[in-house]
């Protein structure tokens, strides 16, 4: 089950920040063992709620505080009449402090504790209490083998705080990670639970703040904000006297020979997302197809950049890149666009030209790279981008002084001032061509209607992802154009045209 619950807090933190909050709670008078008991009760409630008919539990425990939670959950399950075993991965004698006390309490309750080995049988619900948020570097043995055993078992799996092997800061798998059906996390939501590989490993997400008072968080800056319907920016409603001249003129540039469909998708998306007027400059060969599909758009068959000048003077927002190509035609048009004093959205081949150094990015731009394009823009590998997506998004915004949308699972929106937002919605059926073209047109339309670039990017990404989630329920075969009417409906539900 994907973690799409919108009742979760929107503030996301890094693991070190949550550890700091935990230390503050202890310093303020809440014993660490009491916090562990609170986490235990929250985990037990979530586990029983998820699997109400279960009566058997296998806990895999490491030797940190995460293991302490596991031992105490085992004690609760034993007290409730479940068949319970703890498989200790690592020597329990290495447990210290609160975790050691939790181990002692489990033994006192009569919980069976055995050493784990590769032949250990896993039964019932599995509770992953192995590594938690303190992991640094790749998962080592024997933990790697234990995690592979969990994943191969086919049994229901719950994880304590974070699935073992998943980086709580980046969402990147550190060699191998538990694939949980349920993850119960505490005190503050971790950024890594919402981007990168998290969607394949977190499952349903439950959260408990362990009764941490709000003042504990007051001077800790959030690492990112989770986008949901409650905190999204909204375009203003329209007056009864509204006319097309009040809602911007989007000019889209792209569609070299062989790539005409991309610019058509962006154009239709911009029109259906509320732009007052929409124009496009494309190859003359594509104009008839554009007008057949989107007769409301003003289409120019452009053979050179000189023909753009009149359109650039009339436009209020420019979208460049869908199907633009990297040949002379596209390079000429993008060079003219780069010199126009307009808010702009750069996507696809506009970003590849930027990465190649053929053009400079103008001010007040939004760039929308996928991980491969982001890697070229930063001069690193795609694997390096995916290893720390939040850092890559922020680095792009700083390098290019632009709002950055780093697309992919858990899309990130970064501002040059350090603000970061994450959208964890979406659907795997969205793994198809043309989705980025739809997003670019949507983003241009929202900017044309007066939204600032960061707000427009946040809303566009959320609308796009949730339209994909809605349409993805029909399964494979999703086409990019399927999202456009769904986006229009979601936009109206979120921000009605009339008051």
Protein backbone atom coordinates (compact mmCIF):
# COMPACT_ATOMS: atom_id res chain seq x y z
CA UNK A 1 0.00 0.00 0.00
CA UNK A 2 1.57 3.36 -0.97
CA UNK A 3 2.06 5.93 1.75
CA UNK A 4 -0.46 8.51 0.58
CA UNK A 5 -2.06 9.46 3.89
CA UNK A 6 -2.73 13.18 4.01
CA UNK A 7 -3.26 13.34 7.77
CA UNK A 8 0.50 13.13 8.30
CA UNK A 9 2.37 16.31 9.30
CA UNK A 10 3.92 18.23 6.44
CA UNK A 11 7.25 18.96 8.19
CA UNK A 12 10.05 16.58 7.26
CA UNK A 13 13.37 16.27 9.07
CA UNK A 14 16.74 14.64 8.72
CA UNK A 15 17.70 11.80 11.05
CA UNK A 16 20.19 13.92 13.03
CA UNK A 17 17.49 16.52 13.66
CA UNK A 18 15.11 13.87 15.02
CA UNK A 19 17.86 12.53 17.26
CA UNK A 20 18.37 16.08 18.53
CA UNK A 21 14.66 16.37 19.32
CA UNK A 22 14.79 13.02 21.10
CA UNK A 23 17.72 14.26 23.21
CA UNK A 24 15.80 17.44 24.05
CA UNK A 25 12.83 15.42 25.25
CA UNK A 26 15.08 13.39 27.54
CA UNK A 27 16.85 16.51 28.82
CA UNK A 28 13.44 18.07 29.55
CA UNK A 29 12.55 15.20 31.85
CA UNK A 30 11.07 12.36 29.79
CA UNK A 31 13.23 9.25 30.39
CA UNK A 32 14.54 7.55 27.28
CA UNK A 33 12.97 4.26 28.33
CA UNK A 34 9.57 5.98 28.58
CA UNK A 35 9.97 7.26 25.00
CA UNK A 36 10.85 3.73 23.96
CA UNK A 37 7.69 2.41 25.63
CA UNK A 38 5.62 5.04 23.82
CA UNK A 39 7.16 4.00 20.49
CA UNK A 40 6.48 0.37 21.37
CA UNK A 41 2.80 0.98 22.09
CA UNK A 42 2.43 2.95 18.85
CA UNK A 43 4.05 0.14 16.88
CA UNK A 44 1.91 -2.52 18.52
CA UNK A 45 -1.33 -0.59 17.84
CA UNK A 46 -0.40 -0.07 14.18
CA UNK A 47 0.58 -3.71 13.77
CA UNK A 48 -2.67 -5.05 15.25
CA UNK A 49 -4.71 -2.58 13.20
CA UNK A 50 -3.00 -3.69 9.99
CA UNK A 51 -3.18 -7.46 10.68
CA UNK A 52 -6.13 -7.95 13.08
CA UNK A 53 -6.27 -11.74 12.61
CA UNK A 54 -2.55 -12.33 13.24
CA UNK A 55 -1.35 -14.22 16.33
CA UNK A 56 2.34 -14.91 15.64
CA UNK A 57 5.31 -12.52 15.59
CA UNK A 58 8.94 -12.91 14.65
CA UNK A 59 11.13 -9.98 15.69
CA UNK A 60 14.54 -9.51 14.10
CA UNK A 61 16.57 -7.33 16.43
CA UNK A 62 19.94 -5.63 16.09
CA UNK A 63 21.79 -3.98 18.96
CA UNK A 64 20.72 -0.32 18.99
CA UNK A 65 17.65 1.50 20.29
CA UNK A 66 15.75 0.15 17.30
CA UNK A 67 16.29 -3.31 18.80
CA UNK A 68 14.98 -2.05 22.15
CA UNK A 69 11.69 -1.16 20.47
CA UNK A 70 11.61 -4.66 18.98
CA UNK A 71 12.14 -6.39 22.33
CA UNK A 72 9.37 -4.36 23.97
CA UNK A 73 6.92 -5.05 21.12
CA UNK A 74 7.73 -8.75 21.54
CA UNK A 75 6.86 -8.45 25.24
CA UNK A 76 3.52 -6.79 24.43
CA UNK A 77 2.69 -9.46 21.85
CA UNK A 78 3.61 -12.24 24.29
CA UNK A 79 1.40 -10.65 26.94
CA UNK A 80 -1.46 -10.57 24.40
CA UNK A 81 -1.18 -14.31 23.84
CA UNK A 82 0.71 -14.30 20.55
CA UNK A 83 3.36 -16.85 19.64
CA UNK A 84 6.52 -14.73 19.77
CA UNK A 85 10.19 -15.23 18.97
CA UNK A 86 13.02 -12.74 18.82
CA UNK A 87 15.89 -13.58 16.48
CA UNK A 88 18.92 -11.58 17.60
CA UNK A 89 21.11 -10.53 14.70
CA UNK A 90 24.23 -9.56 16.59
CA UNK A 91 25.11 -10.30 20.18
CA UNK A 92 22.47 -9.07 22.71
CA UNK A 93 25.34 -8.54 25.16
CA UNK A 94 26.30 -5.50 23.06
CA UNK A 95 23.02 -3.79 23.92
CA UNK A 96 23.44 -0.70 26.07
CA UNK A 97 21.30 1.70 28.07
CA UNK A 98 17.58 1.68 27.34
CA UNK A 99 17.91 -1.08 24.73
CA UNK A 100 19.60 -3.35 27.28
CA UNK A 101 16.79 -2.68 29.77
CA UNK A 102 14.22 -3.46 27.06
CA UNK A 103 15.99 -6.76 26.38
CA UNK A 104 15.85 -7.59 30.09
CA UNK A 105 12.14 -6.77 30.26
CA UNK A 106 11.42 -9.06 27.31
CA UNK A 107 13.29 -11.93 28.95
CA UNK A 108 11.44 -11.29 32.22
CA UNK A 109 8.12 -11.55 30.33
CA UNK A 110 9.15 -14.98 29.05
CA UNK A 111 9.90 -13.97 25.44
CA UNK A 112 12.04 -16.55 23.63
CA UNK A 113 15.25 -14.97 22.30
CA UNK A 114 17.45 -16.93 19.89
CA UNK A 115 20.44 -16.09 17.78
CA UNK A 116 19.68 -15.56 14.10
CA UNK A 117 21.33 -17.60 11.39
CA UNK A 118 20.67 -18.13 7.70
CA UNK A 119 18.56 -21.23 8.47
CA UNK A 120 16.32 -19.48 11.02
CA UNK A 121 12.65 -19.97 10.26
CA UNK A 122 10.53 -16.84 9.93
CA UNK A 123 6.85 -17.13 10.87
CA UNK A 124 3.79 -14.92 11.29
CA UNK A 125 4.26 -11.16 11.06
CA UNK A 126 7.90 -10.08 10.86
CA UNK A 127 9.01 -7.01 12.80
CA UNK A 128 12.15 -5.37 11.44
CA UNK A 129 14.02 -3.89 14.43
CA UNK A 130 17.49 -4.23 12.95
CA UNK A 131 19.18 -0.96 12.03
CA UNK A 132 16.99 2.14 12.26
CA UNK A 133 18.19 5.63 11.35
CA UNK A 134 21.79 5.33 12.55
CA UNK A 135 23.00 3.42 9.49
CA UNK A 136 26.08 4.84 7.76
CA UNK A 137 27.50 3.23 4.64
CA UNK A 138 26.27 0.03 3.06
CA UNK A 139 24.58 -2.67 5.09
CA UNK A 140 27.15 -5.23 6.24
CA UNK A 141 26.83 -8.88 7.21
CA UNK A 142 25.09 -10.50 8.96
CA UNK A 143 22.44 -7.79 8.56
CA UNK A 144 22.47 -7.94 4.76
CA UNK A 145 21.65 -11.66 4.81
CA UNK A 146 18.95 -11.15 7.43
CA UNK A 147 17.33 -8.44 5.30
CA UNK A 148 17.43 -10.65 2.21
CA UNK A 149 15.80 -13.40 4.26
CA UNK A 150 13.00 -11.06 5.33
CA UNK A 151 12.38 -9.96 1.75
CA UNK A 152 12.36 -13.53 0.45
CA UNK A 153 9.95 -14.80 3.13
CA UNK A 154 6.74 -13.60 1.52
CA UNK A 155 5.42 -12.80 5.00
CA UNK A 156 3.87 -9.52 6.17
CA UNK A 157 6.58 -7.12 7.37
CA UNK A 158 6.45 -4.13 9.71
CA UNK A 159 9.45 -1.86 10.21
CA UNK A 160 10.31 0.17 13.30
CA UNK A 161 11.03 3.85 12.50
CA UNK A 162 12.58 3.22 9.06
CA UNK A 163 13.01 0.03 6.99
CA UNK A 164 16.49 -1.28 7.72
CA UNK A 165 18.89 -0.37 4.92
CA UNK A 166 16.90 2.63 3.69
CA UNK A 167 18.67 5.95 4.33
CA UNK A 168 16.41 8.13 6.47
CA UNK A 169 17.82 11.30 4.87
CA UNK A 170 17.93 10.43 1.16
CA UNK A 171 15.55 7.52 0.55
CA UNK A 172 18.43 5.62 -1.07
CA UNK A 173 18.93 1.91 -0.43
CA UNK A 174 22.29 1.23 1.19
CA UNK A 175 23.03 -1.98 -0.68
CA UNK A 176 19.95 -3.86 0.49
CA UNK A 177 16.86 -2.77 2.43
CA UNK A 178 13.77 -4.30 3.99
CA UNK A 179 10.62 -4.12 1.87
CA UNK A 180 8.04 -3.32 4.52
CA UNK A 181 4.26 -3.44 4.27
CA UNK A 182 4.00 -1.10 7.25
CA UNK A 183 6.47 1.37 8.72
CA UNK A 184 5.84 3.06 12.07
CA UNK A 185 8.00 6.14 12.53
CA UNK A 186 8.38 8.45 15.52
CA UNK A 187 8.87 12.03 16.76
CA UNK A 188 9.40 13.63 13.32
CA UNK A 189 8.82 12.39 9.78
CA UNK A 190 12.07 11.59 8.00
CA UNK A 191 12.67 13.05 4.54
CA UNK A 192 14.01 9.74 3.22
CA UNK A 193 10.64 8.06 3.74
CA UNK A 194 9.17 10.09 0.86
CA UNK A 195 11.61 10.09 -2.05
CA UNK A 196 13.99 7.86 -3.99
CA UNK A 197 13.63 4.15 -3.26
CA UNK A 198 11.22 4.76 -0.38
CA UNK A 199 8.10 3.97 -2.40
CA UNK A 200 9.31 0.38 -2.85
CA UNK A 201 10.26 -0.11 0.81
CA UNK A 202 8.10 1.94 3.20
CA UNK A 203 4.63 0.55 2.52
CA UNK A 204 1.87 2.07 4.62
CA UNK A 205 3.30 4.79 6.85
CA UNK A 206 2.09 5.36 10.41
CA UNK A 207 3.42 8.21 12.54
CA UNK A 208 3.46 8.97 16.26
CA UNK A 209 5.12 12.06 17.75
CA UNK A 210 5.59 10.32 21.14
CA UNK A 211 3.83 13.28 22.79
CA UNK A 212 6.66 15.66 21.91
CA UNK A 213 5.41 19.20 22.66
CA UNK A 214 5.41 21.69 19.80
CA UNK A 215 7.98 23.93 21.48
CA UNK A 216 10.55 21.14 21.15
CA UNK A 217 10.57 21.76 17.40
CA UNK A 218 10.41 25.56 17.42
CA UNK A 219 14.02 26.40 16.49
CA UNK A 220 14.74 23.33 14.33
CA UNK A 221 14.41 24.19 10.63
CA UNK A 222 12.48 21.67 8.59
CA UNK A 223 14.49 19.82 5.96
CA UNK A 224 11.52 19.80 3.55
CA UNK A 225 7.77 20.16 3.36
CA UNK A 226 5.52 17.32 2.28
CA UNK A 227 2.94 18.49 -0.23
CA UNK A 228 -0.68 17.62 0.37
CA UNK A 229 -4.05 19.13 -0.44
CA UNK A 230 -4.14 21.08 2.83
CA UNK A 231 -0.93 23.05 2.37
CA UNK A 232 -0.85 23.68 -1.38
CA UNK A 233 -0.89 27.20 -2.82
CA UNK A 234 -4.02 28.15 -4.72
CA UNK A 235 -4.63 30.33 -7.76
CA UNK A 236 -7.06 33.11 -7.00
CA UNK A 237 -10.70 32.66 -8.03
CA UNK A 238 -11.86 34.57 -11.08
CA UNK A 239 -14.11 37.60 -11.06
CA UNK A 240 -17.33 37.56 -13.02
CA UNK A 241 -15.78 40.15 -15.37
CA UNK A 242 -12.73 37.97 -16.11
CA UNK A 243 -11.34 37.89 -19.64
CA UNK A 244 -8.48 36.06 -21.35
CA UNK A 245 -6.10 38.98 -21.08
CA UNK A 246 -5.95 38.59 -17.28
CA UNK A 247 -4.61 35.05 -17.24
CA UNK A 248 -1.45 35.24 -19.20
CA UNK A 249 -0.16 34.26 -22.59
CA UNK A 250 1.95 31.09 -22.65
CA UNK A 251 4.35 30.64 -25.56
CA UNK A 252 5.69 27.12 -26.06
CA UNK A 253 8.76 26.41 -28.18
CA UNK A 254 9.63 22.92 -29.40
CA UNK A 255 8.71 20.06 -31.68
CA UNK A 256 11.58 19.47 -34.10
CA UNK A 257 11.02 16.99 -36.90
CA UNK A 258 10.05 13.64 -35.44
CA UNK A 259 9.14 15.12 -32.04
CA UNK A 260 5.92 16.99 -32.76
CA UNK A 261 3.84 15.09 -30.24
CA UNK A 262 5.75 16.51 -27.27
CA UNK A 263 4.92 20.12 -28.05
CA UNK A 264 1.27 19.21 -28.76
CA UNK A 265 0.97 17.62 -25.30
CA UNK A 266 2.51 20.67 -23.63
CA UNK A 267 0.25 23.01 -25.57
CA UNK A 268 -2.94 21.14 -24.71
CA UNK A 269 -1.87 20.91 -21.08
CA UNK A 270 -1.26 24.67 -20.87
CA UNK A 271 -4.60 25.44 -22.44
CA UNK A 272 -6.57 23.04 -20.21
CA UNK A 273 -4.81 24.32 -17.07
CA UNK A 274 -6.23 27.81 -17.34
CA UNK A 275 -3.85 29.97 -19.36
CA UNK A 276 -5.69 32.87 -20.99
CA UNK A 277 -3.96 32.44 -24.35
CA UNK A 278 -1.59 29.83 -25.71
CA UNK A 279 0.79 30.11 -28.66
CA UNK A 280 3.44 27.76 -29.91
CA UNK A 281 6.35 27.90 -32.28
CA UNK A 282 7.17 24.59 -33.93
CA UNK A 283 8.21 23.12 -37.24
CA UNK A 284 5.88 24.13 -40.06
CA UNK A 285 5.30 20.44 -40.76
CA UNK A 286 3.51 20.11 -37.40
CA UNK A 287 1.16 23.07 -37.57
CA UNK A 288 -1.76 21.23 -39.18
CA UNK A 289 -1.56 18.44 -36.59
CA UNK A 290 -1.47 20.99 -33.77
CA UNK A 291 -4.51 22.84 -35.07
CA UNK A 292 -6.41 19.59 -35.55
CA UNK A 293 -5.74 18.63 -31.92
CA UNK A 294 -5.78 22.05 -30.23
CA UNK A 295 -7.59 24.54 -32.49
CA UNK A 296 -7.66 27.12 -29.68
CA UNK A 297 -3.87 27.51 -29.82
CA UNK A 298 -2.12 29.99 -32.10
CA UNK A 299 0.48 27.99 -34.03
CA UNK A 300 3.49 29.42 -35.82
CA UNK A 301 5.52 27.34 -38.22
CA UNK A 302 8.97 28.74 -37.45
CA UNK A 303 12.01 28.02 -39.56
CA UNK A 304 14.31 30.46 -37.75
CA UNK A 305 14.64 32.36 -34.49
CA UNK A 306 13.85 35.67 -36.21
CA UNK A 307 10.24 34.58 -36.58
CA UNK A 308 9.92 34.31 -32.80
CA UNK A 309 10.44 37.97 -32.05
CA UNK A 310 6.84 39.06 -32.49
CA UNK A 311 5.54 36.21 -30.33
CA UNK A 312 8.09 36.86 -27.59
CA UNK A 313 6.86 40.43 -27.28
CA UNK A 314 3.30 39.23 -26.67
CA UNK A 315 3.98 36.32 -24.30
CA UNK A 316 3.98 36.51 -20.51
CA UNK A 317 5.51 33.07 -19.83
CA UNK A 318 7.66 30.90 -22.04
CA UNK A 319 7.95 27.09 -22.02
CA UNK A 320 10.96 25.75 -23.90
CA UNK A 321 12.18 22.25 -24.57
CA UNK A 322 9.44 19.68 -25.32
CA UNK A 323 10.59 17.94 -28.49
CA UNK A 324 13.05 20.79 -29.16
CA UNK A 325 15.95 18.58 -30.17
CA UNK A 326 19.61 19.53 -30.09
CA UNK A 327 20.16 20.27 -33.76
CA UNK A 328 20.61 23.72 -35.28
CA UNK A 329 16.89 24.52 -35.42
CA UNK A 330 16.31 23.93 -31.72
CA UNK A 331 19.55 25.62 -30.72
CA UNK A 332 18.61 28.74 -32.67
CA UNK A 333 15.14 28.99 -31.11
CA UNK A 334 16.39 28.37 -27.58
CA UNK A 335 19.06 31.05 -27.96
CA UNK A 336 16.36 33.58 -28.79
CA UNK A 337 14.23 32.40 -25.86
CA UNK A 338 17.15 32.72 -23.45
CA UNK A 339 17.44 36.43 -24.26
CA UNK A 340 13.76 37.15 -23.67
CA UNK A 341 12.95 38.95 -20.37
CA UNK A 342 10.17 36.50 -19.45
CA UNK A 343 9.56 33.95 -16.71
CA UNK A 344 10.43 30.62 -18.29
CA UNK A 345 10.08 26.87 -17.86
CA UNK A 346 12.91 24.80 -19.34
CA UNK A 347 12.42 21.08 -19.89
CA UNK A 348 13.84 18.19 -21.90
CA UNK A 349 16.21 19.25 -24.70
CA UNK A 350 16.40 22.81 -23.40
CA UNK A 351 18.11 21.28 -20.36
CA UNK A 352 20.38 19.14 -22.52
CA UNK A 353 21.47 22.23 -24.43
CA UNK A 354 22.05 24.01 -21.13
CA UNK A 355 24.15 21.10 -19.85
CA UNK A 356 26.20 21.14 -23.06
CA UNK A 357 27.03 24.82 -22.48
CA UNK A 358 25.39 26.03 -25.68
CA UNK A 359 23.12 28.50 -23.89
CA UNK A 360 22.76 30.26 -20.55
CA UNK A 361 19.71 30.10 -18.33
CA UNK A 362 17.86 33.41 -17.96
CA UNK A 363 16.62 34.78 -14.64
CA UNK A 364 13.29 33.73 -13.13
CA UNK A 365 13.37 30.22 -14.56
CA UNK A 366 12.03 26.84 -13.50
CA UNK A 367 13.96 23.79 -14.66
CA UNK A 368 12.33 20.34 -14.66
CA UNK A 369 15.01 17.64 -15.08
CA UNK A 370 14.60 13.92 -14.69
CA UNK A 371 17.56 12.21 -12.93
CA UNK A 372 19.54 11.72 -16.15
CA UNK A 373 19.18 15.36 -17.14
CA UNK A 374 20.00 16.42 -13.59
CA UNK A 375 23.20 14.37 -13.76
CA UNK A 376 24.27 16.10 -16.97
CA UNK A 377 23.50 19.53 -15.51
CA UNK A 378 25.59 18.77 -12.41
CA UNK A 379 28.37 16.91 -14.21
CA UNK A 380 27.88 13.73 -12.17
CA UNK A 381 26.40 10.28 -12.77
CA UNK A 382 22.70 9.46 -12.57
CA UNK A 383 23.53 7.06 -9.73
CA UNK A 384 25.06 9.95 -7.78
CA UNK A 385 21.91 12.02 -8.26
CA UNK A 386 19.71 9.17 -7.07
CA UNK A 387 21.98 8.47 -4.11
CA UNK A 388 21.00 11.84 -2.60
CA UNK A 389 18.09 13.35 -4.48
CA UNK A 390 17.47 16.18 -1.97
CA UNK A 391 21.09 17.32 -2.20
CA UNK A 392 20.99 17.14 -6.01
CA UNK A 393 17.82 19.23 -6.23
CA UNK A 394 19.24 21.89 -3.92
CA UNK A 395 22.57 21.89 -5.78
CA UNK A 396 20.79 22.46 -9.10
CA UNK A 397 18.79 25.37 -7.70
CA UNK A 398 21.92 26.96 -6.30
CA UNK A 399 24.02 26.40 -9.44
CA UNK A 400 21.43 27.78 -11.84
CA UNK A 401 19.64 30.23 -9.50
CA UNK A 402 16.38 28.60 -10.55
CA UNK A 403 13.48 26.74 -9.00
CA UNK A 404 14.20 23.07 -9.70
CA UNK A 405 11.75 20.21 -10.10
CA UNK A 406 13.72 16.97 -9.81
CA UNK A 407 11.31 14.44 -11.24
CA UNK A 408 11.02 10.79 -10.28
CA UNK A 409 9.62 8.81 -7.36
CA UNK A 410 9.15 11.40 -4.65
CA UNK A 411 9.57 14.45 -6.90
CA UNK A 412 11.41 17.34 -5.24
CA UNK A 413 10.91 21.07 -5.70
CA UNK A 414 13.89 23.17 -4.62
CA UNK A 415 14.25 26.96 -4.35
CA UNK A 416 17.60 28.78 -4.48
CA UNK A 417 16.93 30.09 -0.97
CA UNK A 418 17.05 26.51 0.37
CA UNK A 419 13.34 25.70 0.55
CA UNK A 420 12.57 22.12 -0.40
CA UNK A 421 9.23 20.40 -0.99
CA UNK A 422 8.52 16.77 -1.78
CA UNK A 423 5.56 15.16 -3.53
CA UNK A 424 5.28 11.46 -2.71
CA UNK A 425 2.08 10.77 -4.65
CA UNK A 426 2.04 9.10 -8.03
CA UNK A 427 1.58 5.69 -9.62
CA UNK A 428 3.90 3.26 -11.44
CA UNK A 429 1.62 3.38 -14.48
CA UNK A 430 3.08 6.87 -15.00
CA UNK A 431 6.29 5.26 -16.30
CA UNK A 432 5.54 6.25 -19.87
CA UNK A 433 6.60 8.87 -22.41
CA UNK A 434 5.15 12.37 -22.53
CA UNK A 435 4.40 12.90 -18.83
CA UNK A 436 7.08 15.58 -18.55
CA UNK A 437 5.63 17.47 -21.51
CA UNK A 438 2.26 17.63 -19.75
CA UNK A 439 3.94 18.88 -16.56
CA UNK A 440 5.84 21.61 -18.41
CA UNK A 441 2.66 22.99 -20.01
CA UNK A 442 0.78 22.85 -16.69
CA UNK A 443 3.57 24.70 -14.92
CA UNK A 444 3.69 27.40 -17.57
CA UNK A 445 -0.08 27.90 -17.31
CA UNK A 446 0.00 28.33 -13.52
CA UNK A 447 2.81 30.88 -13.78
CA UNK A 448 0.87 32.74 -16.47
CA UNK A 449 -2.06 33.02 -14.05
CA UNK A 450 0.07 34.94 -11.58
CA UNK A 451 1.57 32.29 -9.31
CA UNK A 452 5.21 32.72 -8.33
CA UNK A 453 7.56 30.08 -9.69
CA UNK A 454 8.02 28.02 -6.50
CA UNK A 455 4.30 27.98 -5.66
CA UNK A 456 3.42 27.13 -9.25
CA UNK A 457 5.97 24.30 -9.29
CA UNK A 458 4.63 22.83 -6.05
CA UNK A 459 1.04 22.94 -7.24
CA UNK A 460 1.88 21.65 -10.73
CA UNK A 461 3.84 18.68 -9.41
CA UNK A 462 1.08 17.77 -6.95
CA UNK A 463 -1.69 18.05 -9.57
CA UNK A 464 0.36 16.04 -12.07
CA UNK A 465 1.17 13.28 -9.55
CA UNK A 466 -2.37 12.98 -8.26
CA UNK A 467 -3.82 12.93 -11.76
CA UNK A 468 -1.41 10.08 -12.44
CA UNK A 469 -2.53 8.35 -9.25
CA UNK A 470 -6.16 8.74 -10.27
CA UNK A 471 -5.65 7.48 -13.83
CA UNK A 472 -3.11 4.86 -12.80
CA UNK A 473 -5.81 2.94 -10.98
CA UNK A 474 -6.93 1.71 -14.40
CA UNK A 475 -3.57 -0.06 -14.74
CA UNK A 476 -1.00 -0.30 -17.49
CA UNK A 477 -1.42 1.58 -20.73
CA UNK A 478 -1.66 5.08 -19.24
CA UNK A 479 -1.09 7.73 -21.92
CA UNK A 480 0.27 11.15 -21.05
CA UNK A 481 -2.81 12.82 -22.53
CA UNK A 482 -4.99 10.89 -20.05
CA UNK A 483 -3.68 13.18 -17.32
CA UNK A 484 -4.88 16.43 -18.88
CA UNK A 485 -8.64 16.16 -18.10
CA UNK A 486 -7.81 14.71 -14.68
CA UNK A 487 -5.53 17.69 -13.95
CA UNK A 488 -8.28 20.08 -14.94
CA UNK A 489 -10.74 18.37 -12.59
CA UNK A 490 -8.27 18.31 -9.67
CA UNK A 491 -7.38 21.96 -10.19
CA UNK A 492 -11.05 22.95 -10.05
CA UNK A 493 -11.58 20.86 -6.89
CA UNK A 494 -8.54 22.41 -5.24
CA UNK A 495 -9.11 26.01 -6.35
CA UNK A 496 -12.59 26.63 -7.79
CA UNK A 497 -12.80 29.10 -10.64
CA UNK A 498 -15.62 30.96 -8.89
CA UNK A 499 -15.74 31.98 -5.22
